[in-house]
Amino acid sequence: MWTMTKKHRDFVSEPMGHKFVRDLPGIGDVLGRKLGSQGFNKASDLLAKFLQLTQDHERFIEWLKVNVGANAHKAKLCTQCLQDWCDNNL
């Protein structure tokens, strides 16, 4: 069982607004820069990709690993947070 981090709780409990991709759990400076270089600067940009992949966790995790070099753990943290945000807000 995993423990939800403060970063996760804060992200999920608030509107998407103008949050940056680095506000997502699992996404720090390095992955944030890599995502930004591909046009994913805002968390809403990454949410759009998650929704485009029909919230398929395996496909989105693989996409993060292949396209920005995220490790499995960081990709799962980000994916779970986006899913929880969707569950709470969509």
PDB file of N, CA and C in Angstrom:
ATOM      1  N   MET A   1       0.840  -1.178   0.000  1.00  0.00           N
ATOM      2  CA  MET A   1       0.000   0.000   0.000  1.00  0.00           C
ATOM      3  C   MET A   1       0.885   1.241   0.000  1.00  0.00           C
ATOM      4  N   TRP A   2       0.475   2.251  -0.735  1.00  0.00           N
ATOM      5  CA  TRP A   2       1.285   3.459  -0.826  1.00  0.00           C
ATOM      6  C   TRP A   2       0.654   4.579  -0.012  1.00  0.00           C
ATOM      7  N   THR A   3       1.468   5.514   0.386  1.00  0.00           N
ATOM      8  CA  THR A   3       1.012   6.661   1.140  1.00  0.00           C
ATOM      9  C   THR A   3       0.971   7.865   0.213  1.00  0.00           C
ATOM     10  N   MET A   4      -0.153   8.539   0.205  1.00  0.00           N
ATOM     11  CA  MET A   4      -0.314   9.714  -0.633  1.00  0.00           C
ATOM     12  C   MET A   4       0.551  10.853  -0.082  1.00  0.00           C
ATOM     13  N   THR A   5       1.343  11.455  -0.949  1.00  0.00           N
ATOM     14  CA  THR A   5       2.200  12.564  -0.530  1.00  0.00           C
ATOM     15  C   THR A   5       1.407  13.863  -0.456  1.00  0.00           C
ATOM     16  N   LYS A   6       1.976  14.835   0.195  1.00  0.00           N
ATOM     17  CA  LYS A   6       1.358  16.166   0.268  1.00  0.00           C
ATOM     18  C   LYS A   6       1.217  16.747  -1.132  1.00  0.00           C
ATOM     19  N   LYS A   7       2.225  16.554  -1.957  1.00  0.00           N
ATOM     20  CA  LYS A   7       2.184  17.064  -3.334  1.00  0.00           C
ATOM     21  C   LYS A   7       0.991  16.454  -4.080  1.00  0.00           C
ATOM     22  N   HIS A   8       0.764  15.172  -3.891  1.00  0.00           N
ATOM     23  CA  HIS A   8      -0.362  14.488  -4.521  1.00  0.00           C
ATOM     24  C   HIS A   8      -1.697  15.031  -3.987  1.00  0.00           C
ATOM     25  N   ARG A   9      -1.815  15.092  -2.670  1.00  0.00           N
ATOM     26  CA  ARG A   9      -3.054  15.592  -2.051  1.00  0.00           C
ATOM     27  C   ARG A   9      -3.370  17.003  -2.527  1.00  0.00           C
ATOM     28  N   ASP A  10      -2.355  17.868  -2.538  1.00  0.00           N
ATOM     29  CA  ASP A  10      -2.564  19.255  -2.962  1.00  0.00           C
ATOM     30  C   ASP A  10      -3.000  19.331  -4.416  1.00  0.00           C
ATOM     31  N   PHE A  11      -2.352  18.551  -5.270  1.00  0.00           N
ATOM     32  CA  PHE A  11      -2.675  18.602  -6.688  1.00  0.00           C
ATOM     33  C   PHE A  11      -4.108  18.136  -6.928  1.00  0.00           C
ATOM     34  N   VAL A  12      -4.476  17.030  -6.322  1.00  0.00           N
ATOM     35  CA  VAL A  12      -5.788  16.428  -6.554  1.00  0.00           C
ATOM     36  C   VAL A  12      -6.920  17.284  -5.983  1.00  0.00           C
ATOM     37  N   SER A  13      -6.653  17.988  -4.901  1.00  0.00           N
ATOM     38  CA  SER A  13      -7.715  18.726  -4.213  1.00  0.00           C
ATOM     39  C   SER A  13      -7.994  20.102  -4.801  1.00  0.00           C
ATOM     40  N   GLU A  14      -7.205  20.534  -5.771  1.00  0.00           N
ATOM     41  CA  GLU A  14      -7.360  21.877  -6.323  1.00  0.00           C
ATOM     42  C   GLU A  14      -7.704  21.821  -7.803  1.00  0.00           C
ATOM     43  N   PRO A  15      -8.336  22.883  -8.319  1.00  0.00           N
ATOM     44  CA  PRO A  15      -8.588  22.948  -9.763  1.00  0.00           C
ATOM     45  C   PRO A  15      -7.265  22.933 -10.537  1.00  0.00           C
ATOM     46  N   MET A  16      -7.327  22.493 -11.777  1.00  0.00           N
ATOM     47  CA  MET A  16      -6.122  22.407 -12.604  1.00  0.00           C
ATOM     48  C   MET A  16      -5.501  23.782 -12.791  1.00  0.00           C
ATOM     49  N   GLY A  17      -6.324  24.774 -13.113  1.00  0.00           N
ATOM     50  CA  GLY A  17      -5.826  26.137 -13.265  1.00  0.00           C
ATOM     51  C   GLY A  17      -4.601  26.221 -14.151  1.00  0.00           C
ATOM     52  N   HIS A  18      -3.617  26.933 -13.693  1.00  0.00           N
ATOM     53  CA  HIS A  18      -2.387  27.147 -14.460  1.00  0.00           C
ATOM     54  C   HIS A  18      -1.211  26.409 -13.827  1.00  0.00           C
ATOM     55  N   LYS A  19      -1.482  25.256 -13.239  1.00  0.00           N
ATOM     56  CA  LYS A  19      -0.415  24.483 -12.608  1.00  0.00           C
ATOM     57  C   LYS A  19       0.608  24.059 -13.646  1.00  0.00           C
ATOM     58  N   PHE A  20       1.841  24.026 -13.215  1.00  0.00           N
ATOM     59  CA  PHE A  20       2.912  23.568 -14.089  1.00  0.00           C
ATOM     60  C   PHE A  20       3.047  22.059 -14.003  1.00  0.00           C
ATOM     61  N   VAL A  21       3.617  21.484 -15.028  1.00  0.00           N
ATOM     62  CA  VAL A  21       3.814  20.042 -15.076  1.00  0.00           C
ATOM     63  C   VAL A  21       4.644  19.572 -13.883  1.00  0.00           C
ATOM     64  N   ARG A  22       5.533  20.412 -13.380  1.00  0.00           N
ATOM     65  CA  ARG A  22       6.370  20.048 -12.226  1.00  0.00           C
ATOM     66  C   ARG A  22       5.571  19.976 -10.930  1.00  0.00           C
ATOM     67  N   ASP A  23       4.345  20.437 -10.943  1.00  0.00           N
ATOM     68  CA  ASP A  23       3.493  20.331  -9.762  1.00  0.00           C
ATOM     69  C   ASP A  23       2.958  18.909  -9.577  1.00  0.00           C
ATOM     70  N   LEU A  24       3.108  18.080 -10.604  1.00  0.00           N
ATOM     71  CA  LEU A  24       2.651  16.696 -10.520  1.00  0.00           C
ATOM     72  C   LEU A  24       3.670  15.827  -9.783  1.00  0.00           C
ATOM     73  N   PRO A  25       3.204  14.931  -8.932  1.00  0.00           N
ATOM     74  CA  PRO A  25       4.119  13.987  -8.295  1.00  0.00           C
ATOM     75  C   PRO A  25       4.865  13.178  -9.355  1.00  0.00           C
ATOM     76  N   GLY A  26       6.116  12.928  -9.106  1.00  0.00           N
ATOM     77  CA  GLY A  26       6.932  12.165 -10.032  1.00  0.00           C
ATOM     78  C   GLY A  26       7.619  13.010 -11.090  1.00  0.00           C
ATOM     79  N   ILE A  27       7.195  14.259 -11.209  1.00  0.00           N
ATOM     80  CA  ILE A  27       7.779  15.148 -12.211  1.00  0.00           C
ATOM     81  C   ILE A  27       8.568  16.238 -11.485  1.00  0.00           C
ATOM     82  N   GLY A  28       9.868  16.168 -11.615  1.00  0.00           N
ATOM     83  CA  GLY A  28      10.745  17.168 -11.017  1.00  0.00           C
ATOM     84  C   GLY A  28      11.325  18.064 -12.093  1.00  0.00           C
ATOM     85  N   ASP A  29      12.444  18.682 -11.785  1.00  0.00           N
ATOM     86  CA  ASP A  29      13.062  19.616 -12.717  1.00  0.00           C
ATOM     87  C   ASP A  29      13.500  18.952 -14.016  1.00  0.00           C
ATOM     88  N   VAL A  30      14.159  17.807 -13.926  1.00  0.00           N
ATOM     89  CA  VAL A  30      14.695  17.155 -15.127  1.00  0.00           C
ATOM     90  C   VAL A  30      13.569  16.709 -16.056  1.00  0.00           C
ATOM     91  N   LEU A  31      12.610  15.950 -15.518  1.00  0.00           N
ATOM     92  CA  LEU A  31      11.499  15.496 -16.359  1.00  0.00           C
ATOM     93  C   LEU A  31      10.636  16.669 -16.797  1.00  0.00           C
ATOM     94  N   GLY A  32      10.520  17.675 -15.939  1.00  0.00           N
ATOM     95  CA  GLY A  32       9.765  18.875 -16.305  1.00  0.00           C
ATOM     96  C   GLY A  32      10.367  19.579 -17.504  1.00  0.00           C
ATOM     97  N   ARG A  33      11.697  19.677 -17.539  1.00  0.00           N
ATOM     98  CA  ARG A  33      12.367  20.299 -18.694  1.00  0.00           C
ATOM     99  C   ARG A  33      12.172  19.462 -19.954  1.00  0.00           C
ATOM    100  N   LYS A  34      12.285  18.151 -19.812  1.00  0.00           N
ATOM    101  CA  LYS A  34      12.100  17.274 -20.968  1.00  0.00           C
ATOM    102  C   LYS A  34      10.677  17.376 -21.505  1.00  0.00           C
ATOM    103  N   LEU A  35       9.710  17.385 -20.601  1.00  0.00           N
ATOM    104  CA  LEU A  35       8.321  17.546 -21.040  1.00  0.00           C
ATOM    105  C   LEU A  35       8.115  18.909 -21.687  1.00  0.00           C
ATOM    106  N   GLY A  36       8.676  19.941 -21.078  1.00  0.00           N
ATOM    107  CA  GLY A  36       8.553  21.290 -21.622  1.00  0.00           C
ATOM    108  C   GLY A  36       9.124  21.403 -23.023  1.00  0.00           C
ATOM    109  N   SER A  37      10.226  20.733 -23.280  1.00  0.00           N
ATOM    110  CA  SER A  37      10.829  20.787 -24.614  1.00  0.00           C
ATOM    111  C   SER A  37       9.948  20.109 -25.660  1.00  0.00           C
ATOM    112  N   GLN A  38       8.981  19.323 -25.199  1.00  0.00           N
ATOM    113  CA  GLN A  38       8.046  18.664 -26.104  1.00  0.00           C
ATOM    114  C   GLN A  38       6.675  19.346 -26.102  1.00  0.00           C
ATOM    115  N   GLY A  39       6.605  20.523 -25.465  1.00  0.00           N
ATOM    116  CA  GLY A  39       5.364  21.292 -25.464  1.00  0.00           C
ATOM    117  C   GLY A  39       4.431  21.008 -24.315  1.00  0.00           C
ATOM    118  N   PHE A  40       4.883  20.255 -23.337  1.00  0.00           N
ATOM    119  CA  PHE A  40       4.063  19.931 -22.166  1.00  0.00           C
ATOM    120  C   PHE A  40       4.556  20.748 -20.984  1.00  0.00           C
ATOM    121  N   ASN A  41       4.213  22.030 -20.955  1.00  0.00           N
ATOM    122  CA  ASN A  41       4.645  22.922 -19.881  1.00  0.00           C
ATOM    123  C   ASN A  41       3.660  22.956 -18.717  1.00  0.00           C
ATOM    124  N   LYS A  42       2.416  22.892 -19.015  1.00  0.00           N
ATOM    125  CA  LYS A  42       1.362  22.965 -18.000  1.00  0.00           C
ATOM    126  C   LYS A  42       0.854  21.565 -17.671  1.00  0.00           C
ATOM    127  N   ALA A  43       0.383  21.397 -16.465  1.00  0.00           N
ATOM    128  CA  ALA A  43      -0.191  20.114 -16.063  1.00  0.00           C
ATOM    129  C   ALA A  43      -1.384  19.773 -16.947  1.00  0.00           C
ATOM    130  N   SER A  44      -2.111  20.776 -17.383  1.00  0.00           N
ATOM    131  CA  SER A  44      -3.263  20.524 -18.255  1.00  0.00           C
ATOM    132  C   SER A  44      -2.828  19.935 -19.596  1.00  0.00           C
ATOM    133  N   ASP A  45      -1.622  20.270 -20.063  1.00  0.00           N
ATOM    134  CA  ASP A  45      -1.103  19.672 -21.292  1.00  0.00           C
ATOM    135  C   ASP A  45      -0.896  18.171 -21.106  1.00  0.00           C
ATOM    136  N   LEU A  46      -0.351  17.806 -19.961  1.00  0.00           N
ATOM    137  CA  LEU A  46      -0.107  16.397 -19.679  1.00  0.00           C
ATOM    138  C   LEU A  46      -1.428  15.668 -19.413  1.00  0.00           C
ATOM    139  N   LEU A  47      -2.368  16.347 -18.773  1.00  0.00           N
ATOM    140  CA  LEU A  47      -3.695  15.769 -18.575  1.00  0.00           C
ATOM    141  C   LEU A  47      -4.329  15.467 -19.930  1.00  0.00           C
ATOM    142  N   ALA A  48      -4.183  16.372 -20.878  1.00  0.00           N
ATOM    143  CA  ALA A  48      -4.746  16.157 -22.213  1.00  0.00           C
ATOM    144  C   ALA A  48      -4.159  14.894 -22.853  1.00  0.00           C
ATOM    145  N   LYS A  49      -2.861  14.683 -22.696  1.00  0.00           N
ATOM    146  CA  LYS A  49      -2.227  13.474 -23.232  1.00  0.00           C
ATOM    147  C   LYS A  49      -2.785  12.238 -22.534  1.00  0.00           C
ATOM    148  N   PHE A  50      -2.948  12.305 -21.223  1.00  0.00           N
ATOM    149  CA  PHE A  50      -3.509  11.202 -20.445  1.00  0.00           C
ATOM    150  C   PHE A  50      -4.919  10.870 -20.948  1.00  0.00           C
ATOM    151  N   LEU A  51      -5.711  11.883 -21.183  1.00  0.00           N
ATOM    152  CA  LEU A  51      -7.077  11.673 -21.680  1.00  0.00           C
ATOM    153  C   LEU A  51      -7.057  11.164 -23.120  1.00  0.00           C
ATOM    154  N   GLN A  52      -6.123  11.658 -23.918  1.00  0.00           N
ATOM    155  CA  GLN A  52      -5.990  11.197 -25.299  1.00  0.00           C
ATOM    156  C   GLN A  52      -5.700   9.691 -25.339  1.00  0.00           C
ATOM    157  N   LEU A  53      -4.945   9.230 -24.369  1.00  0.00           N
ATOM    158  CA  LEU A  53      -4.641   7.800 -24.260  1.00  0.00           C
ATOM    159  C   LEU A  53      -5.726   7.071 -23.476  1.00  0.00           C
ATOM    160  N   THR A  54      -6.896   7.670 -23.402  1.00  0.00           N
ATOM    161  CA  THR A  54      -8.092   7.133 -22.748  1.00  0.00           C
ATOM    162  C   THR A  54      -7.858   6.658 -21.318  1.00  0.00           C
ATOM    163  N   GLN A  55      -7.034   7.387 -20.592  1.00  0.00           N
ATOM    164  CA  GLN A  55      -6.726   7.103 -19.190  1.00  0.00           C
ATOM    165  C   GLN A  55      -6.195   5.686 -19.003  1.00  0.00           C
ATOM    166  N   ASP A  56      -5.560   5.160 -20.020  1.00  0.00           N
ATOM    167  CA  ASP A  56      -4.963   3.832 -19.969  1.00  0.00           C
ATOM    168  C   ASP A  56      -3.618   3.953 -19.251  1.00  0.00           C
ATOM    169  N   HIS A  57      -3.576   3.482 -18.020  1.00  0.00           N
ATOM    170  CA  HIS A  57      -2.378   3.643 -17.190  1.00  0.00           C
ATOM    171  C   HIS A  57      -1.145   3.040 -17.835  1.00  0.00           C
ATOM    172  N   GLU A  58      -1.252   1.845 -18.348  1.00  0.00           N
ATOM    173  CA  GLU A  58      -0.089   1.190 -18.940  1.00  0.00           C
ATOM    174  C   GLU A  58       0.458   1.975 -20.124  1.00  0.00           C
ATOM    175  N   ARG A  59      -0.422   2.439 -21.000  1.00  0.00           N
ATOM    176  CA  ARG A  59       0.020   3.204 -22.178  1.00  0.00           C
ATOM    177  C   ARG A  59       0.644   4.532 -21.765  1.00  0.00           C
ATOM    178  N   PHE A  60       0.046   5.210 -20.778  1.00  0.00           N
ATOM    179  CA  PHE A  60       0.565   6.505 -20.354  1.00  0.00           C
ATOM    180  C   PHE A  60       1.910   6.346 -19.648  1.00  0.00           C
ATOM    181  N   ILE A  61       2.039   5.343 -18.815  1.00  0.00           N
ATOM    182  CA  ILE A  61       3.314   5.072 -18.142  1.00  0.00           C
ATOM    183  C   ILE A  61       4.387   4.785 -19.175  1.00  0.00           C
ATOM    184  N   GLU A  62       4.059   3.964 -20.136  1.00  0.00           N
ATOM    185  CA  GLU A  62       5.024   3.646 -21.197  1.00  0.00           C
ATOM    186  C   GLU A  62       5.394   4.898 -21.984  1.00  0.00           C
ATOM    187  N   TRP A  63       4.412   5.739 -22.259  1.00  0.00           N
ATOM    188  CA  TRP A  63       4.669   6.990 -22.980  1.00  0.00           C
ATOM    189  C   TRP A  63       5.649   7.864 -22.195  1.00  0.00           C
ATOM    190  N   LEU A  64       5.431   8.002 -20.895  1.00  0.00           N
ATOM    191  CA  LEU A  64       6.340   8.790 -20.060  1.00  0.00           C
ATOM    192  C   LEU A  64       7.747   8.195 -20.051  1.00  0.00           C
ATOM    193  N   LYS A  65       7.835   6.890 -19.985  1.00  0.00           N
ATOM    194  CA  LYS A  65       9.140   6.236 -19.951  1.00  0.00           C
ATOM    195  C   LYS A  65       9.875   6.424 -21.277  1.00  0.00           C
ATOM    196  N   VAL A  66       9.201   6.215 -22.381  1.00  0.00           N
ATOM    197  CA  VAL A  66       9.834   6.292 -23.702  1.00  0.00           C
ATOM    198  C   VAL A  66      10.132   7.730 -24.113  1.00  0.00           C
ATOM    199  N   ASN A  67       9.186   8.643 -23.888  1.00  0.00           N
ATOM    200  CA  ASN A  67       9.313  10.000 -24.420  1.00  0.00           C
ATOM    201  C   ASN A  67      10.094  10.972 -23.551  1.00  0.00           C
ATOM    202  N   VAL A  68      10.116  10.750 -22.235  1.00  0.00           N
ATOM    203  CA  VAL A  68      10.861  11.678 -21.377  1.00  0.00           C
ATOM    204  C   VAL A  68      11.829  10.987 -20.439  1.00  0.00           C
ATOM    205  N   GLY A  69      11.910   9.677 -20.524  1.00  0.00           N
ATOM    206  CA  GLY A  69      12.878   8.955 -19.712  1.00  0.00           C
ATOM    207  C   GLY A  69      12.499   8.789 -18.256  1.00  0.00           C
ATOM    208  N   ALA A  70      11.207   8.857 -17.957  1.00  0.00           N
ATOM    209  CA  ALA A  70      10.766   8.657 -16.567  1.00  0.00           C
ATOM    210  C   ALA A  70      10.999   7.202 -16.179  1.00  0.00           C
ATOM    211  N   ASN A  71      11.384   6.981 -14.939  1.00  0.00           N
ATOM    212  CA  ASN A  71      11.465   5.599 -14.483  1.00  0.00           C
ATOM    213  C   ASN A  71      10.054   5.130 -14.116  1.00  0.00           C
ATOM    214  N   ALA A  72       9.904   3.842 -13.897  1.00  0.00           N
ATOM    215  CA  ALA A  72       8.579   3.271 -13.646  1.00  0.00           C
ATOM    216  C   ALA A  72       7.909   3.898 -12.424  1.00  0.00           C
ATOM    217  N   HIS A  73       8.669   4.108 -11.361  1.00  0.00           N
ATOM    218  CA  HIS A  73       8.095   4.666 -10.134  1.00  0.00           C
ATOM    219  C   HIS A  73       7.549   6.076 -10.364  1.00  0.00           C
ATOM    220  N   LYS A  74       8.350   6.946 -10.973  1.00  0.00           N
ATOM    221  CA  LYS A  74       7.904   8.319 -11.211  1.00  0.00           C
ATOM    222  C   LYS A  74       6.730   8.366 -12.170  1.00  0.00           C
ATOM    223  N   ALA A  75       6.757   7.515 -13.191  1.00  0.00           N
ATOM    224  CA  ALA A  75       5.657   7.469 -14.150  1.00  0.00           C
ATOM    225  C   ALA A  75       4.363   7.033 -13.466  1.00  0.00           C
ATOM    226  N   LYS A  76       4.458   6.070 -12.553  1.00  0.00           N
ATOM    227  CA  LYS A  76       3.268   5.602 -11.833  1.00  0.00           C
ATOM    228  C   LYS A  76       2.729   6.673 -10.899  1.00  0.00           C
ATOM    229  N   LEU A  77       3.614   7.409 -10.216  1.00  0.00           N
ATOM    230  CA  LEU A  77       3.163   8.494  -9.332  1.00  0.00           C
ATOM    231  C   LEU A  77       2.377   9.540 -10.115  1.00  0.00           C
ATOM    232  N   CYS A  78       2.921   9.935 -11.254  1.00  0.00           N
ATOM    233  CA  CYS A  78       2.272  10.942 -12.087  1.00  0.00           C
ATOM    234  C   CYS A  78       0.927  10.433 -12.604  1.00  0.00           C
ATOM    235  N   THR A  79       0.916   9.214 -13.093  1.00  0.00           N
ATOM    236  CA  THR A  79      -0.300   8.618 -13.642  1.00  0.00           C
ATOM    237  C   THR A  79      -1.391   8.510 -12.593  1.00  0.00           C
ATOM    238  N   GLN A  80      -1.039   8.032 -11.404  1.00  0.00           N
ATOM    239  CA  GLN A  80      -2.042   7.887 -10.345  1.00  0.00           C
ATOM    240  C   GLN A  80      -2.605   9.241  -9.940  1.00  0.00           C
ATOM    241  N   CYS A  81      -1.756  10.245  -9.908  1.00  0.00           N
ATOM    242  CA  CYS A  81      -2.226  11.574  -9.548  1.00  0.00           C
ATOM    243  C   CYS A  81      -3.208  12.115 -10.593  1.00  0.00           C
ATOM    244  N   LEU A  82      -2.880  11.944 -11.863  1.00  0.00           N
ATOM    245  CA  LEU A  82      -3.797  12.395 -12.911  1.00  0.00           C
ATOM    246  C   LEU A  82      -5.114  11.634 -12.844  1.00  0.00           C
ATOM    247  N   GLN A  83      -5.053  10.340 -12.579  1.00  0.00           N
ATOM    248  CA  GLN A  83      -6.281   9.558 -12.451  1.00  0.00           C
ATOM    249  C   GLN A  83      -7.114  10.039 -11.271  1.00  0.00           C
ATOM    250  N   ASP A  84      -6.471  10.255 -10.135  1.00  0.00           N
ATOM    251  CA  ASP A  84      -7.190  10.746  -8.957  1.00  0.00           C
ATOM    252  C   ASP A  84      -7.781  12.122  -9.208  1.00  0.00           C
ATOM    253  N   TRP A  85      -7.053  12.977  -9.917  1.00  0.00           N
ATOM    254  CA  TRP A  85      -7.583  14.303 -10.241  1.00  0.00           C
ATOM    255  C   TRP A  85      -8.828  14.161 -11.111  1.00  0.00           C
ATOM    256  N   CYS A  86      -8.755  13.292 -12.115  1.00  0.00           N
ATOM    257  CA  CYS A  86      -9.916  13.057 -12.978  1.00  0.00           C
ATOM    258  C   CYS A  86     -11.104  12.538 -12.182  1.00  0.00           C
ATOM    259  N   ASP A  87     -10.829  11.587 -11.303  1.00  0.00           N
ATOM    260  CA  ASP A  87     -11.916  11.009 -10.482  1.00  0.00           C
ATOM    261  C   ASP A  87     -12.585  12.079  -9.626  1.00  0.00           C
ATOM    262  N   ASN A  88     -11.828  13.043  -9.149  1.00  0.00           N
ATOM    263  CA  ASN A  88     -12.369  14.096  -8.275  1.00  0.00           C
ATOM    264  C   ASN A  88     -12.972  15.262  -9.027  1.00  0.00           C
ATOM    265  N   ASN A  89     -12.560  15.472 -10.280  1.00  0.00           N
ATOM    266  CA  ASN A  89     -12.917  16.723 -10.944  1.00  0.00           C
ATOM    267  C   ASN A  89     -13.660  16.580 -12.275  1.00  0.00           C
ATOM    268  N   LEU A  90     -13.685  15.409 -12.845  1.00  0.00           N
ATOM    269  CA  LEU A  90     -14.382  15.256 -14.136  1.00  0.00           C
ATOM    270  C   LEU A  90     -15.660  14.475 -13.977  1.00  0.00           C
TER     271      LEU A  90
END
